[in-house]
Amino acid sequence: MWRGYRLSTLAPKDFLTALGSVFIPVTAQLQRLYGLTAYLPTVSPLDKPAGVPDEIALVFYETQQAYTDTKQVVAGRAYSSLHSTVFAFPASQSGFPVLLADELAFDTPYHLFTDAADWQSGFTQLFVGTRKGTVAPKSFAASLLKFLKHVREHRPKGLEGAVVCVNADWVLYWEHWTNEAASLKGQISDLAKLAELVLLQPYVSTPVESSLTAHYPGLNVTGGESFNIRFPLVGNSNT
């Protein structure tokens, strides 16, 4: 899971242009060669609350080792260094989600279920919210943990995956369903009772040119989009 903050020396408009013309497309074009299986970036609205990441993403590989091995090839290291051209460090962070247990630690990505799921297919939706000013961070985390445990214990049919990350000031929560109709049985909208709504929206299937050598302008990014980037998996030209 990626939580990225815009480089302060990069104007918001230039940040969006860089994401659409270079960063998002090349993630799919290049990393699919090294085991990338799904890529779901969201670009926050330009008027987002302070502290909310400027771009977030779920990035899936065949295995965790496949991702680690990208650092062993020149192209993988080049892609890694590309992050610093648009994102600020150390504010920007990434990490593999761990299975949610009985506590919810801040700035730690979690997944709710152990089942494998194909996040490039199906239907994915996202909630982004901020802590209400009248709620203490500890109470914020406790209320979200209660919600997450309820989802896990009363898992609706068709809910294939759920991923979450909570900060003292915000929550990011994704659900992946077999299809949109199945998602109507979910309770993601209830999170708006626990946090101030920033985004609640589905991911839009967005094909990108998969060839690194093709003439391709990239994507038009204006802020507030959630893209389910569609690209052929290596060895499967029909994906």
C-alpha atoms as a PDB file:
ATOM      1  CA  MET A   1       0.000   0.000   0.000  1.00  0.00           C
ATOM      2  CA  TRP A   2       1.307   3.414  -1.019  1.00  0.00           C
ATOM      3  CA  ARG A   3       0.624   6.758   0.701  1.00  0.00           C
ATOM      4  CA  GLY A   4       2.285   9.567  -1.210  1.00  0.00           C
ATOM      5  CA  TYR A   5       2.689  13.267  -0.473  1.00  0.00           C
ATOM      6  CA  ARG A   6       3.442  15.773  -3.217  1.00  0.00           C
ATOM      7  CA  LEU A   7       6.943  17.158  -3.402  1.00  0.00           C
ATOM      8  CA  SER A   8       6.736  20.703  -2.032  1.00  0.00           C
ATOM      9  CA  THR A   9       8.749  22.120  -4.931  1.00  0.00           C
ATOM     10  CA  LEU A  10       6.227  20.731  -7.425  1.00  0.00           C
ATOM     11  CA  ALA A  11       3.145  22.845  -8.126  1.00  0.00           C
ATOM     12  CA  PRO A  12      -0.158  20.941  -7.794  1.00  0.00           C
ATOM     13  CA  LYS A  13      -0.864  21.209 -11.534  1.00  0.00           C
ATOM     14  CA  ASP A  14       2.601  19.917 -12.405  1.00  0.00           C
ATOM     15  CA  PHE A  15       2.171  17.101  -9.883  1.00  0.00           C
ATOM     16  CA  LEU A  16      -1.024  15.958 -11.598  1.00  0.00           C
ATOM     17  CA  THR A  17       0.604  16.189 -15.020  1.00  0.00           C
ATOM     18  CA  ALA A  18       3.570  14.116 -13.870  1.00  0.00           C
ATOM     19  CA  LEU A  19       1.302  11.459 -12.396  1.00  0.00           C
ATOM     20  CA  GLY A  20      -0.793  11.153 -15.545  1.00  0.00           C
ATOM     21  CA  SER A  21       1.884  11.444 -18.206  1.00  0.00           C
ATOM     22  CA  VAL A  22       4.663   9.463 -16.523  1.00  0.00           C
ATOM     23  CA  PHE A  23       4.282   7.947 -13.085  1.00  0.00           C
ATOM     24  CA  ILE A  24       0.976   6.063 -13.275  1.00  0.00           C
ATOM     25  CA  PRO A  25       1.431   4.682 -16.824  1.00  0.00           C
ATOM     26  CA  VAL A  26       5.031   3.621 -16.310  1.00  0.00           C
ATOM     27  CA  THR A  27       4.124   1.778 -13.120  1.00  0.00           C
ATOM     28  CA  ALA A  28       1.984  -0.563 -15.201  1.00  0.00           C
ATOM     29  CA  GLN A  29       4.224  -0.635 -18.270  1.00  0.00           C
ATOM     30  CA  LEU A  30       7.409  -1.429 -16.379  1.00  0.00           C
ATOM     31  CA  GLN A  31       6.424  -3.255 -13.220  1.00  0.00           C
ATOM     32  CA  ARG A  32       4.131  -5.720 -14.993  1.00  0.00           C
ATOM     33  CA  LEU A  33       7.350  -7.192 -16.399  1.00  0.00           C
ATOM     34  CA  TYR A  34       8.384  -8.017 -12.832  1.00  0.00           C
ATOM     35  CA  GLY A  35       5.205  -9.530 -11.434  1.00  0.00           C
ATOM     36  CA  LEU A  36       2.755  -6.642 -11.053  1.00  0.00           C
ATOM     37  CA  THR A  37      -0.780  -8.089 -11.172  1.00  0.00           C
ATOM     38  CA  ALA A  38      -3.006  -5.143 -10.190  1.00  0.00           C
ATOM     39  CA  TYR A  39      -2.552  -1.405  -9.703  1.00  0.00           C
ATOM     40  CA  LEU A  40      -5.219   0.873  -8.220  1.00  0.00           C
ATOM     41  CA  PRO A  41      -4.069   4.483  -7.699  1.00  0.00           C
ATOM     42  CA  THR A  42      -6.276   7.266  -6.355  1.00  0.00           C
ATOM     43  CA  VAL A  43      -5.362  10.929  -6.749  1.00  0.00           C
ATOM     44  CA  SER A  44      -6.817  13.099  -4.001  1.00  0.00           C
ATOM     45  CA  PRO A  45      -8.856  16.199  -4.864  1.00  0.00           C
ATOM     46  CA  LEU A  46      -6.780  19.365  -4.869  1.00  0.00           C
ATOM     47  CA  ASP A  47      -8.954  20.750  -2.070  1.00  0.00           C
ATOM     48  CA  LYS A  48      -8.387  17.732   0.176  1.00  0.00           C
ATOM     49  CA  PRO A  49      -7.927  18.332   3.917  1.00  0.00           C
ATOM     50  CA  ALA A  50      -4.367  18.956   5.067  1.00  0.00           C
ATOM     51  CA  GLY A  51      -2.583  15.778   6.061  1.00  0.00           C
ATOM     52  CA  VAL A  52      -4.460  13.472   3.706  1.00  0.00           C
ATOM     53  CA  PRO A  53      -2.053  11.881   1.195  1.00  0.00           C
ATOM     54  CA  ASP A  54      -1.994  13.404  -2.274  1.00  0.00           C
ATOM     55  CA  GLU A  55      -1.948   9.988  -3.922  1.00  0.00           C
ATOM     56  CA  ILE A  56      -2.653   6.529  -2.559  1.00  0.00           C
ATOM     57  CA  ALA A  57      -2.463   3.176  -4.282  1.00  0.00           C
ATOM     58  CA  LEU A  58      -2.893  -0.525  -3.844  1.00  0.00           C
ATOM     59  CA  VAL A  59      -0.118  -2.271  -5.753  1.00  0.00           C
ATOM     60  CA  PHE A  60      -0.287  -6.054  -6.106  1.00  0.00           C
ATOM     61  CA  TYR A  61       2.494  -8.423  -7.150  1.00  0.00           C
ATOM     62  CA  GLU A  62       2.529 -12.179  -7.745  1.00  0.00           C
ATOM     63  CA  THR A  63       4.403 -12.517  -4.451  1.00  0.00           C
ATOM     64  CA  GLN A  64       6.084 -10.227  -1.954  1.00  0.00           C
ATOM     65  CA  GLN A  65       9.403 -11.672  -3.103  1.00  0.00           C
ATOM     66  CA  ALA A  66       8.624 -10.653  -6.686  1.00  0.00           C
ATOM     67  CA  TYR A  67       8.380  -7.042  -5.506  1.00  0.00           C
ATOM     68  CA  THR A  68      11.583  -7.320  -3.481  1.00  0.00           C
ATOM     69  CA  ASP A  69      13.396  -8.762  -6.480  1.00  0.00           C
ATOM     70  CA  THR A  70      12.639  -5.668  -8.569  1.00  0.00           C
ATOM     71  CA  LYS A  71      15.450  -3.968  -6.645  1.00  0.00           C
ATOM     72  CA  GLN A  72      17.877  -6.460  -8.196  1.00  0.00           C
ATOM     73  CA  VAL A  73      17.355  -5.160 -11.742  1.00  0.00           C
ATOM     74  CA  VAL A  74      18.353  -1.770 -13.135  1.00  0.00           C
ATOM     75  CA  ALA A  75      14.858  -0.988 -14.420  1.00  0.00           C
ATOM     76  CA  GLY A  76      13.379  -1.743 -11.008  1.00  0.00           C
ATOM     77  CA  ARG A  77      15.832   0.579  -9.292  1.00  0.00           C
ATOM     78  CA  ALA A  78      15.132   3.272 -11.882  1.00  0.00           C
ATOM     79  CA  TYR A  79      11.409   2.983 -11.156  1.00  0.00           C
ATOM     80  CA  SER A  80      12.039   3.229  -7.422  1.00  0.00           C
ATOM     81  CA  SER A  81      14.112   6.399  -7.870  1.00  0.00           C
ATOM     82  CA  LEU A  82      11.332   7.926  -9.987  1.00  0.00           C
ATOM     83  CA  HIS A  83       9.218   8.331  -6.842  1.00  0.00           C
ATOM     84  CA  SER A  84      11.466  11.102  -5.544  1.00  0.00           C
ATOM     85  CA  THR A  85      10.707  13.242  -8.611  1.00  0.00           C
ATOM     86  CA  VAL A  86       7.085  13.699  -7.528  1.00  0.00           C
ATOM     87  CA  PHE A  87       6.807  12.588  -3.890  1.00  0.00           C
ATOM     88  CA  ALA A  88       8.236  13.924  -0.638  1.00  0.00           C
ATOM     89  CA  PHE A  89      10.206  11.646   1.659  1.00  0.00           C
ATOM     90  CA  PRO A  90      10.140  10.506   4.425  1.00  0.00           C
ATOM     91  CA  ALA A  91       6.487  11.638   4.576  1.00  0.00           C
ATOM     92  CA  SER A  92       5.520   9.239   1.773  1.00  0.00           C
ATOM     93  CA  GLN A  93       5.362   5.618   2.873  1.00  0.00           C
ATOM     94  CA  SER A  94       4.655   2.161   1.544  1.00  0.00           C
ATOM     95  CA  GLY A  95       4.199  -1.208   3.174  1.00  0.00           C
ATOM     96  CA  PHE A  96       2.713  -4.661   2.823  1.00  0.00           C
ATOM     97  CA  PRO A  97      -0.561  -5.078   4.734  1.00  0.00           C
ATOM     98  CA  VAL A  98      -0.613  -7.518   7.635  1.00  0.00           C
ATOM     99  CA  LEU A  99      -3.637  -9.445   8.868  1.00  0.00           C
ATOM    100  CA  LEU A 100      -5.772  -7.379  11.238  1.00  0.00           C
ATOM    101  CA  ALA A 101      -5.733  -8.735  14.788  1.00  0.00           C
ATOM    102  CA  ASP A 102      -7.154  -7.250  18.000  1.00  0.00           C
ATOM    103  CA  GLU A 103      -5.404  -3.879  17.805  1.00  0.00           C
ATOM    104  CA  LEU A 104      -5.246  -1.146  15.178  1.00  0.00           C
ATOM    105  CA  ALA A 105      -1.883   0.607  15.065  1.00  0.00           C
ATOM    106  CA  PHE A 106      -1.553   3.951  13.324  1.00  0.00           C
ATOM    107  CA  ASP A 107       0.202   4.118   9.948  1.00  0.00           C
ATOM    108  CA  THR A 108       0.070   0.335   9.554  1.00  0.00           C
ATOM    109  CA  PRO A 109      -1.660  -1.229   6.528  1.00  0.00           C
ATOM    110  CA  TYR A 110      -3.929  -4.191   7.283  1.00  0.00           C
ATOM    111  CA  HIS A 111      -5.963  -6.709   5.314  1.00  0.00           C
ATOM    112  CA  LEU A 112      -9.083  -8.284   6.791  1.00  0.00           C
ATOM    113  CA  PHE A 113      -9.140 -11.635   5.003  1.00  0.00           C
ATOM    114  CA  THR A 114      -6.579 -14.233   3.966  1.00  0.00           C
ATOM    115  CA  ASP A 115      -8.267 -15.221   0.691  1.00  0.00           C
ATOM    116  CA  ALA A 116      -6.526 -14.472  -2.582  1.00  0.00           C
ATOM    117  CA  ALA A 117      -8.369 -12.077  -4.889  1.00  0.00           C
ATOM    118  CA  ASP A 118      -7.824 -10.605  -8.335  1.00  0.00           C
ATOM    119  CA  TRP A 119      -8.088  -6.863  -7.729  1.00  0.00           C
ATOM    120  CA  GLN A 120      -7.711  -6.020 -11.416  1.00  0.00           C
ATOM    121  CA  SER A 121     -11.101  -7.629 -12.031  1.00  0.00           C
ATOM    122  CA  GLY A 122     -14.371  -7.296 -10.125  1.00  0.00           C
ATOM    123  CA  PHE A 123     -15.469  -4.108  -8.357  1.00  0.00           C
ATOM    124  CA  THR A 124     -13.400  -2.032  -5.947  1.00  0.00           C
ATOM    125  CA  GLN A 125     -14.493   0.963  -3.902  1.00  0.00           C
ATOM    126  CA  LEU A 126     -12.658   3.329  -1.582  1.00  0.00           C
ATOM    127  CA  PHE A 127     -13.475   5.425   1.461  1.00  0.00           C
ATOM    128  CA  VAL A 128     -11.189   8.255   2.557  1.00  0.00           C
ATOM    129  CA  GLY A 129     -12.138  10.187   5.668  1.00  0.00           C
ATOM    130  CA  THR A 130     -10.641  12.403   8.348  1.00  0.00           C
ATOM    131  CA  ARG A 131     -11.013  12.320  12.111  1.00  0.00           C
ATOM    132  CA  LYS A 132     -13.730  14.595  13.416  1.00  0.00           C
ATOM    133  CA  GLY A 133     -12.414  17.442  15.546  1.00  0.00           C
ATOM    134  CA  THR A 134     -14.481  16.389  18.553  1.00  0.00           C
ATOM    135  CA  VAL A 135     -13.053  12.850  18.538  1.00  0.00           C
ATOM    136  CA  ALA A 136      -9.734  11.924  20.145  1.00  0.00           C
ATOM    137  CA  PRO A 137      -7.305   9.832  18.044  1.00  0.00           C
ATOM    138  CA  LYS A 138      -7.598   6.858  20.406  1.00  0.00           C
ATOM    139  CA  SER A 139     -11.394   6.886  20.169  1.00  0.00           C
ATOM    140  CA  PHE A 140     -11.146   7.312  16.391  1.00  0.00           C
ATOM    141  CA  ALA A 141      -9.065   4.151  16.122  1.00  0.00           C
ATOM    142  CA  ALA A 142     -11.335   2.239  18.491  1.00  0.00           C
ATOM    143  CA  SER A 143     -14.474   3.049  16.506  1.00  0.00           C
ATOM    144  CA  LEU A 144     -12.823   2.038  13.247  1.00  0.00           C
ATOM    145  CA  LEU A 145     -11.552  -1.211  14.736  1.00  0.00           C
ATOM    146  CA  LYS A 146     -15.084  -2.052  15.838  1.00  0.00           C
ATOM    147  CA  PHE A 147     -16.346  -1.413  12.300  1.00  0.00           C
ATOM    148  CA  LEU A 148     -13.606  -3.559  10.767  1.00  0.00           C
ATOM    149  CA  LYS A 149     -14.218  -6.454  13.127  1.00  0.00           C
ATOM    150  CA  HIS A 150     -17.904  -6.333  12.269  1.00  0.00           C
ATOM    151  CA  VAL A 151     -17.100  -6.523   8.554  1.00  0.00           C
ATOM    152  CA  ARG A 152     -14.832  -9.492   9.126  1.00  0.00           C
ATOM    153  CA  GLU A 153     -17.222 -11.352  11.420  1.00  0.00           C
ATOM    154  CA  HIS A 154     -20.272 -10.689   9.225  1.00  0.00           C
ATOM    155  CA  ARG A 155     -18.611 -10.922   5.832  1.00  0.00           C
ATOM    156  CA  PRO A 156     -21.192 -10.493   3.063  1.00  0.00           C
ATOM    157  CA  LYS A 157     -21.204 -12.870   0.124  1.00  0.00           C
ATOM    158  CA  GLY A 158     -19.135 -11.429  -2.686  1.00  0.00           C
ATOM    159  CA  LEU A 159     -16.712  -9.436  -0.510  1.00  0.00           C
ATOM    160  CA  GLU A 160     -13.384 -10.805  -1.722  1.00  0.00           C
ATOM    161  CA  GLY A 161     -10.993  -8.462   0.050  1.00  0.00           C
ATOM    162  CA  ALA A 162     -10.658  -5.443   2.321  1.00  0.00           C
ATOM    163  CA  VAL A 163      -7.609  -3.307   3.097  1.00  0.00           C
ATOM    164  CA  VAL A 164      -7.276  -0.447   5.573  1.00  0.00           C
ATOM    165  CA  CYS A 165      -4.776   2.044   6.939  1.00  0.00           C
ATOM    166  CA  VAL A 166      -5.530   4.439   9.787  1.00  0.00           C
ATOM    167  CA  ASN A 167      -3.584   7.495  10.853  1.00  0.00           C
ATOM    168  CA  ALA A 168      -4.285   9.671  13.892  1.00  0.00           C
ATOM    169  CA  ASP A 169      -6.054  12.035  11.474  1.00  0.00           C
ATOM    170  CA  TRP A 170      -7.428   9.937   8.601  1.00  0.00           C
ATOM    171  CA  VAL A 171      -8.636   6.540   7.419  1.00  0.00           C
ATOM    172  CA  LEU A 172      -8.180   4.806   4.058  1.00  0.00           C
ATOM    173  CA  TYR A 173     -10.402   1.792   3.434  1.00  0.00           C
ATOM    174  CA  TRP A 174     -10.784  -0.366   0.327  1.00  0.00           C
ATOM    175  CA  GLU A 175     -13.257  -3.132  -0.448  1.00  0.00           C
ATOM    176  CA  HIS A 176     -13.029  -5.545  -3.377  1.00  0.00           C
ATOM    177  CA  TRP A 177     -16.189  -7.328  -4.515  1.00  0.00           C
ATOM    178  CA  THR A 178     -17.015  -9.887  -7.173  1.00  0.00           C
ATOM    179  CA  ASN A 179     -19.210  -7.265  -8.845  1.00  0.00           C
ATOM    180  CA  GLU A 180     -20.986  -3.981  -8.187  1.00  0.00           C
ATOM    181  CA  ALA A 181     -24.318  -5.643  -7.407  1.00  0.00           C
ATOM    182  CA  ALA A 182     -22.730  -7.668  -4.613  1.00  0.00           C
ATOM    183  CA  SER A 183     -21.228  -4.487  -3.130  1.00  0.00           C
ATOM    184  CA  LEU A 184     -24.715  -3.190  -2.349  1.00  0.00           C
ATOM    185  CA  LYS A 185     -24.701  -5.581   0.620  1.00  0.00           C
ATOM    186  CA  GLY A 186     -21.710  -3.785   2.105  1.00  0.00           C
ATOM    187  CA  GLN A 187     -21.564  -1.113   4.793  1.00  0.00           C
ATOM    188  CA  ILE A 188     -18.723   1.071   3.578  1.00  0.00           C
ATOM    189  CA  SER A 189     -20.982   4.138   3.644  1.00  0.00           C
ATOM    190  CA  ASP A 190     -21.323   3.709   7.424  1.00  0.00           C
ATOM    191  CA  LEU A 191     -17.760   4.973   7.747  1.00  0.00           C
ATOM    192  CA  ALA A 192     -19.111   8.466   7.092  1.00  0.00           C
ATOM    193  CA  LYS A 193     -20.599   8.261  10.598  1.00  0.00           C
ATOM    194  CA  LEU A 194     -17.131   7.710  12.051  1.00  0.00           C
ATOM    195  CA  ALA A 195     -15.078  10.112   9.915  1.00  0.00           C
ATOM    196  CA  GLU A 196     -15.556  13.252   7.850  1.00  0.00           C
ATOM    197  CA  LEU A 197     -16.033  12.148   4.248  1.00  0.00           C
ATOM    198  CA  VAL A 198     -13.322  13.037   1.744  1.00  0.00           C
ATOM    199  CA  LEU A 199     -13.947  10.367  -0.896  1.00  0.00           C
ATOM    200  CA  LEU A 200     -16.376   7.478  -1.295  1.00  0.00           C
ATOM    201  CA  GLN A 201     -16.217   6.145  -4.813  1.00  0.00           C
ATOM    202  CA  PRO A 202     -15.607   3.143  -7.054  1.00  0.00           C
ATOM    203  CA  TYR A 203     -12.510   2.542  -9.116  1.00  0.00           C
ATOM    204  CA  VAL A 204     -12.918   3.081 -12.841  1.00  0.00           C
ATOM    205  CA  SER A 205     -11.493   0.487 -15.213  1.00  0.00           C
ATOM    206  CA  THR A 206      -8.750   2.371 -17.065  1.00  0.00           C
ATOM    207  CA  PRO A 207      -6.724   0.629 -19.781  1.00  0.00           C
ATOM    208  CA  VAL A 208      -3.232   1.969 -20.430  1.00  0.00           C
ATOM    209  CA  GLU A 209      -0.816   1.362 -23.262  1.00  0.00           C
ATOM    210  CA  SER A 210       1.363  -1.535 -22.118  1.00  0.00           C
ATOM    211  CA  SER A 211       4.315  -1.038 -24.454  1.00  0.00           C
ATOM    212  CA  LEU A 212       7.257   0.978 -23.169  1.00  0.00           C
ATOM    213  CA  THR A 213       8.127   2.033 -26.725  1.00  0.00           C
ATOM    214  CA  ALA A 214       4.665   3.120 -27.926  1.00  0.00           C
ATOM    215  CA  HIS A 215       3.837   6.773 -28.559  1.00  0.00           C
ATOM    216  CA  TYR A 216       1.394   7.404 -25.719  1.00  0.00           C
ATOM    217  CA  PRO A 217       0.401  10.668 -23.962  1.00  0.00           C
ATOM    218  CA  GLY A 218      -0.688   8.992 -20.740  1.00  0.00           C
ATOM    219  CA  LEU A 219      -3.740   9.821 -18.631  1.00  0.00           C
ATOM    220  CA  ASN A 220      -5.534  13.081 -17.980  1.00  0.00           C
ATOM    221  CA  VAL A 221      -5.429  13.540 -14.204  1.00  0.00           C
ATOM    222  CA  THR A 222      -7.272  16.460 -12.600  1.00  0.00           C
ATOM    223  CA  GLY A 223      -7.568  15.216  -9.005  1.00  0.00           C
ATOM    224  CA  GLY A 224     -10.215  13.101  -7.326  1.00  0.00           C
ATOM    225  CA  GLU A 225      -9.901  10.062  -9.622  1.00  0.00           C
ATOM    226  CA  SER A 226      -9.659   6.390  -8.702  1.00  0.00           C
ATOM    227  CA  PHE A 227      -8.177   4.319 -11.525  1.00  0.00           C
ATOM    228  CA  ASN A 228      -8.173   0.537 -11.795  1.00  0.00           C
ATOM    229  CA  ILE A 229      -5.317   0.413 -14.248  1.00  0.00           C
ATOM    230  CA  ARG A 230      -5.859  -2.365 -16.783  1.00  0.00           C
ATOM    231  CA  PHE A 231      -2.827  -3.935 -18.398  1.00  0.00           C
ATOM    232  CA  PRO A 232      -1.944  -7.379 -19.778  1.00  0.00           C
ATOM    233  CA  LEU A 233      -0.220  -9.650 -17.325  1.00  0.00           C
ATOM    234  CA  VAL A 234       3.035 -11.120 -18.551  1.00  0.00           C
ATOM    235  CA  GLY A 235       2.202 -14.445 -20.191  1.00  0.00           C
ATOM    236  CA  ASN A 236      -1.494 -13.560 -20.507  1.00  0.00           C
ATOM    237  CA  SER A 237      -2.277 -11.262 -23.428  1.00  0.00           C
ATOM    238  CA  ASN A 238      -6.020 -11.502 -22.734  1.00  0.00           C
ATOM    239  CA  THR A 239      -5.989  -9.758 -19.341  1.00  0.00           C
END
